[in-house]
Amino acid sequence: MSNRFMDGDAAAEMLERRWFAAFKAASAARAECEALIEAMVATEAAWTEARERLSKLESMRDALGEELACIDERCPEPVSRTLHRAVMSAA
């Protein structure tokens, strides 16, 4: 009969070990999830900031392009003059 109690104790001990292993694995998974959500929040904030910076830079680029177009319309580039020189041969 004592053998029967030992089998029950061994089973209970095994169950307890499995419970602790599952608890440890769940804690590790929870920590990983928390780290990943923090990374996602930081990434989203950086992405939003980059989009705002891109929008401002594109607006600036477009405004400068319009100014350049206005300048080109008012002051067209002068036609380059080709200078013709008589070339004398030493021969």
N, C-alpha and C. Protein backbone atom coordinates (compact mmCIF):
# COMPACT_ATOMS: atom_id res chain seq x y z
N MET A 1 0.82 -1.19 0.00
CA MET A 1 0.00 0.00 0.00
C MET A 1 0.86 1.25 0.00
N SER A 2 1.99 1.21 0.64
CA SER A 2 2.86 2.37 0.62
C SER A 2 3.37 2.65 -0.80
N ASN A 3 3.50 1.63 -1.61
CA ASN A 3 3.91 1.78 -2.99
C ASN A 3 2.87 2.59 -3.77
N ARG A 4 1.60 2.38 -3.43
CA ARG A 4 0.50 3.11 -4.08
C ARG A 4 0.58 4.61 -3.75
N PHE A 5 0.88 4.95 -2.51
CA PHE A 5 1.02 6.35 -2.12
C PHE A 5 2.22 6.99 -2.81
N MET A 6 3.27 6.21 -2.96
CA MET A 6 4.46 6.74 -3.62
C MET A 6 4.16 7.04 -5.08
N ASP A 7 3.37 6.20 -5.71
CA ASP A 7 2.98 6.45 -7.11
C ASP A 7 2.14 7.72 -7.20
N GLY A 8 1.24 7.91 -6.25
CA GLY A 8 0.42 9.11 -6.22
C GLY A 8 1.25 10.35 -5.98
N ASP A 9 2.23 10.26 -5.07
CA ASP A 9 3.12 11.39 -4.80
C ASP A 9 3.97 11.72 -6.02
N ALA A 10 4.44 10.70 -6.70
CA ALA A 10 5.25 10.92 -7.89
C ALA A 10 4.42 11.60 -8.99
N ALA A 11 3.17 11.16 -9.13
CA ALA A 11 2.29 11.76 -10.13
C ALA A 11 1.99 13.22 -9.78
N ALA A 12 1.76 13.47 -8.49
CA ALA A 12 1.49 14.84 -8.07
C ALA A 12 2.71 15.72 -8.27
N GLU A 13 3.89 15.16 -7.97
CA GLU A 13 5.12 15.92 -8.17
C GLU A 13 5.34 16.22 -9.66
N MET A 14 5.06 15.25 -10.51
CA MET A 14 5.20 15.44 -11.96
C MET A 14 4.22 16.51 -12.45
N LEU A 15 2.99 16.45 -11.95
CA LEU A 15 1.98 17.44 -12.32
C LEU A 15 2.42 18.84 -11.88
N GLU A 16 2.97 18.92 -10.67
CA GLU A 16 3.44 20.21 -10.16
C GLU A 16 4.59 20.74 -11.01
N ARG A 17 5.50 19.88 -11.39
CA ARG A 17 6.62 20.30 -12.26
C ARG A 17 6.12 20.80 -13.60
N ARG A 18 5.15 20.08 -14.15
CA ARG A 18 4.58 20.52 -15.43
C ARG A 18 3.90 21.87 -15.29
N TRP A 19 3.19 22.08 -14.15
CA TRP A 19 2.51 23.34 -13.91
C TRP A 19 3.54 24.48 -13.84
N PHE A 20 4.62 24.27 -13.10
CA PHE A 20 5.65 25.31 -13.00
C PHE A 20 6.32 25.59 -14.36
N ALA A 21 6.53 24.53 -15.14
CA ALA A 21 7.11 24.72 -16.48
C ALA A 21 6.17 25.54 -17.36
N ALA A 22 4.88 25.22 -17.31
CA ALA A 22 3.89 25.97 -18.09
C ALA A 22 3.81 27.42 -17.62
N PHE A 23 3.87 27.62 -16.30
CA PHE A 23 3.83 28.96 -15.73
C PHE A 23 5.04 29.78 -16.21
N LYS A 24 6.21 29.16 -16.20
CA LYS A 24 7.43 29.83 -16.63
C LYS A 24 7.36 30.17 -18.13
N ALA A 25 6.86 29.23 -18.93
CA ALA A 25 6.74 29.47 -20.38
C ALA A 25 5.74 30.59 -20.67
N ALA A 26 4.62 30.59 -19.94
CA ALA A 26 3.62 31.64 -20.13
C ALA A 26 4.18 33.00 -19.72
N SER A 27 4.95 33.05 -18.64
CA SER A 27 5.57 34.31 -18.20
C SER A 27 6.55 34.82 -19.25
N ALA A 28 7.32 33.91 -19.83
CA ALA A 28 8.27 34.31 -20.87
C ALA A 28 7.54 34.83 -22.11
N ALA A 29 6.45 34.16 -22.48
CA ALA A 29 5.66 34.59 -23.65
C ALA A 29 5.03 35.96 -23.38
N ARG A 30 4.55 36.18 -22.15
CA ARG A 30 3.96 37.48 -21.80
C ARG A 30 5.01 38.59 -21.89
N ALA A 31 6.21 38.32 -21.39
CA ALA A 31 7.29 39.31 -21.46
C ALA A 31 7.65 39.61 -22.91
N GLU A 32 7.67 38.58 -23.74
CA GLU A 32 7.97 38.79 -25.17
C GLU A 32 6.89 39.64 -25.83
N CYS A 33 5.64 39.36 -25.52
CA CYS A 33 4.54 40.16 -26.07
C CYS A 33 4.63 41.62 -25.65
N GLU A 34 4.96 41.85 -24.38
CA GLU A 34 5.08 43.21 -23.89
C GLU A 34 6.23 43.94 -24.57
N ALA A 35 7.34 43.25 -24.78
CA ALA A 35 8.48 43.86 -25.47
C ALA A 35 8.12 44.18 -26.92
N LEU A 36 7.40 43.28 -27.56
CA LEU A 36 7.00 43.50 -28.96
C LEU A 36 6.02 44.66 -29.09
N ILE A 37 5.09 44.78 -28.16
CA ILE A 37 4.13 45.90 -28.25
C ILE A 37 4.85 47.23 -28.04
N GLU A 38 5.84 47.25 -27.14
CA GLU A 38 6.62 48.47 -26.96
C GLU A 38 7.38 48.83 -28.24
N ALA A 39 7.93 47.82 -28.89
CA ALA A 39 8.64 48.05 -30.15
C ALA A 39 7.69 48.54 -31.23
N MET A 40 6.48 47.99 -31.26
CA MET A 40 5.49 48.43 -32.25
C MET A 40 5.09 49.88 -32.02
N VAL A 41 4.89 50.26 -30.78
CA VAL A 41 4.52 51.64 -30.46
C VAL A 41 5.64 52.60 -30.88
N ALA A 42 6.87 52.23 -30.57
CA ALA A 42 8.01 53.08 -30.95
C ALA A 42 8.15 53.16 -32.46
N THR A 43 7.94 52.04 -33.15
CA THR A 43 8.03 52.03 -34.61
C THR A 43 6.93 52.88 -35.23
N GLU A 44 5.73 52.79 -34.70
CA GLU A 44 4.63 53.58 -35.23
C GLU A 44 4.89 55.07 -35.03
N ALA A 45 5.43 55.44 -33.89
CA ALA A 45 5.74 56.86 -33.63
C ALA A 45 6.82 57.34 -34.59
N ALA A 46 7.84 56.54 -34.81
CA ALA A 46 8.91 56.92 -35.75
C ALA A 46 8.37 57.02 -37.17
N TRP A 47 7.48 56.11 -37.55
CA TRP A 47 6.89 56.12 -38.89
C TRP A 47 6.04 57.38 -39.08
N THR A 48 5.25 57.73 -38.07
CA THR A 48 4.41 58.93 -38.15
C THR A 48 5.29 60.18 -38.30
N GLU A 49 6.36 60.24 -37.52
CA GLU A 49 7.28 61.38 -37.61
C GLU A 49 7.94 61.45 -38.99
N ALA A 50 8.34 60.32 -39.52
CA ALA A 50 8.97 60.28 -40.84
C ALA A 50 7.99 60.71 -41.92
N ARG A 51 6.73 60.29 -41.82
CA ARG A 51 5.71 60.71 -42.80
C ARG A 51 5.49 62.21 -42.75
N GLU A 52 5.44 62.79 -41.55
CA GLU A 52 5.27 64.24 -41.42
C GLU A 52 6.46 64.98 -42.03
N ARG A 53 7.67 64.49 -41.75
CA ARG A 53 8.87 65.11 -42.31
C ARG A 53 8.87 65.00 -43.84
N LEU A 54 8.46 63.85 -44.36
CA LEU A 54 8.37 63.66 -45.81
C LEU A 54 7.37 64.63 -46.42
N SER A 55 6.24 64.79 -45.79
CA SER A 55 5.21 65.70 -46.30
C SER A 55 5.72 67.13 -46.36
N LYS A 56 6.40 67.55 -45.29
CA LYS A 56 6.96 68.91 -45.27
C LYS A 56 8.02 69.09 -46.34
N LEU A 57 8.88 68.10 -46.49
CA LEU A 57 9.94 68.20 -47.51
C LEU A 57 9.36 68.21 -48.92
N GLU A 58 8.33 67.41 -49.16
CA GLU A 58 7.70 67.41 -50.49
C GLU A 58 7.02 68.74 -50.77
N SER A 59 6.39 69.33 -49.76
CA SER A 59 5.76 70.64 -49.93
C SER A 59 6.81 71.70 -50.24
N MET A 60 7.93 71.65 -49.51
CA MET A 60 9.00 72.61 -49.75
C MET A 60 9.56 72.43 -51.16
N ARG A 61 9.77 71.18 -51.56
CA ARG A 61 10.29 70.89 -52.90
C ARG A 61 9.35 71.45 -53.97
N ASP A 62 8.04 71.22 -53.80
CA ASP A 62 7.07 71.70 -54.78
C ASP A 62 7.04 73.22 -54.85
N ALA A 63 7.10 73.88 -53.69
CA ALA A 63 7.09 75.35 -53.67
C ALA A 63 8.34 75.90 -54.35
N LEU A 64 9.49 75.30 -54.08
CA LEU A 64 10.72 75.75 -54.72
C LEU A 64 10.68 75.49 -56.22
N GLY A 65 10.08 74.38 -56.61
CA GLY A 65 9.94 74.09 -58.04
C GLY A 65 9.06 75.12 -58.72
N GLU A 66 8.00 75.55 -58.07
CA GLU A 66 7.14 76.59 -58.63
C GLU A 66 7.89 77.91 -58.76
N GLU A 67 8.68 78.26 -57.75
CA GLU A 67 9.48 79.48 -57.82
C GLU A 67 10.47 79.42 -58.97
N LEU A 68 11.11 78.27 -59.14
CA LEU A 68 12.04 78.11 -60.25
C LEU A 68 11.33 78.25 -61.59
N ALA A 69 10.13 77.70 -61.71
CA ALA A 69 9.37 77.82 -62.95
C ALA A 69 9.03 79.28 -63.24
N CYS A 70 8.68 80.04 -62.20
CA CYS A 70 8.38 81.46 -62.39
C CYS A 70 9.61 82.22 -62.85
N ILE A 71 10.74 81.91 -62.26
CA ILE A 71 11.99 82.57 -62.65
C ILE A 71 12.31 82.25 -64.10
N ASP A 72 12.14 80.99 -64.48
CA ASP A 72 12.42 80.58 -65.86
C ASP A 72 11.50 81.30 -66.85
N GLU A 73 10.26 81.53 -66.47
CA GLU A 73 9.31 82.22 -67.35
C GLU A 73 9.67 83.69 -67.51
N ARG A 74 10.12 84.34 -66.45
CA ARG A 74 10.45 85.76 -66.49
C ARG A 74 11.80 86.01 -67.14
N CYS A 75 12.74 85.18 -66.86
CA CYS A 75 14.10 85.37 -67.35
C CYS A 75 14.56 84.12 -68.08
N PRO A 76 14.17 84.00 -69.34
CA PRO A 76 14.62 82.81 -70.05
C PRO A 76 16.14 82.81 -70.17
N GLU A 77 16.71 81.65 -70.27
CA GLU A 77 18.16 81.55 -70.38
C GLU A 77 18.63 82.22 -71.66
N PRO A 78 19.70 82.99 -71.56
CA PRO A 78 20.21 83.64 -72.77
C PRO A 78 20.78 82.61 -73.74
N VAL A 79 20.62 82.92 -75.03
CA VAL A 79 21.16 82.04 -76.05
C VAL A 79 22.66 82.22 -76.05
N SER A 80 23.36 81.13 -75.96
CA SER A 80 24.82 81.24 -75.89
C SER A 80 25.35 81.70 -77.25
N ARG A 81 26.29 82.61 -77.20
CA ARG A 81 26.90 83.13 -78.42
C ARG A 81 28.18 82.37 -78.70
N THR A 82 28.29 81.97 -79.91
CA THR A 82 29.50 81.27 -80.30
C THR A 82 30.44 82.28 -80.93
N LEU A 83 31.61 82.36 -80.42
CA LEU A 83 32.59 83.29 -80.95
C LEU A 83 33.37 82.60 -82.07
N HIS A 84 33.40 83.29 -83.22
CA HIS A 84 34.14 82.74 -84.34
C HIS A 84 35.44 83.51 -84.44
N ARG A 85 36.51 82.80 -84.43
CA ARG A 85 37.81 83.44 -84.54
C ARG A 85 38.49 82.88 -85.79
N ALA A 86 39.17 83.73 -86.41
CA ALA A 86 39.94 83.27 -87.54
C ALA A 86 41.16 82.56 -87.02
N VAL A 87 41.36 81.41 -87.51
CA VAL A 87 42.50 80.60 -87.06
C VAL A 87 43.58 80.73 -88.12
N MET A 88 44.71 81.11 -87.68
CA MET A 88 45.82 81.26 -88.61
C MET A 88 46.73 80.06 -88.48
N SER A 89 47.13 79.57 -89.59
CA SER A 89 47.99 78.41 -89.59
C SER A 89 49.44 78.85 -89.63
N ALA A 90 50.28 78.20 -88.94
CA ALA A 90 51.70 78.54 -88.92
C ALA A 90 52.42 77.82 -90.06
N ALA A 91 51.70 77.07 -90.82
CA ALA A 91 52.35 76.28 -91.86
C ALA A 91 52.69 77.05 -93.07
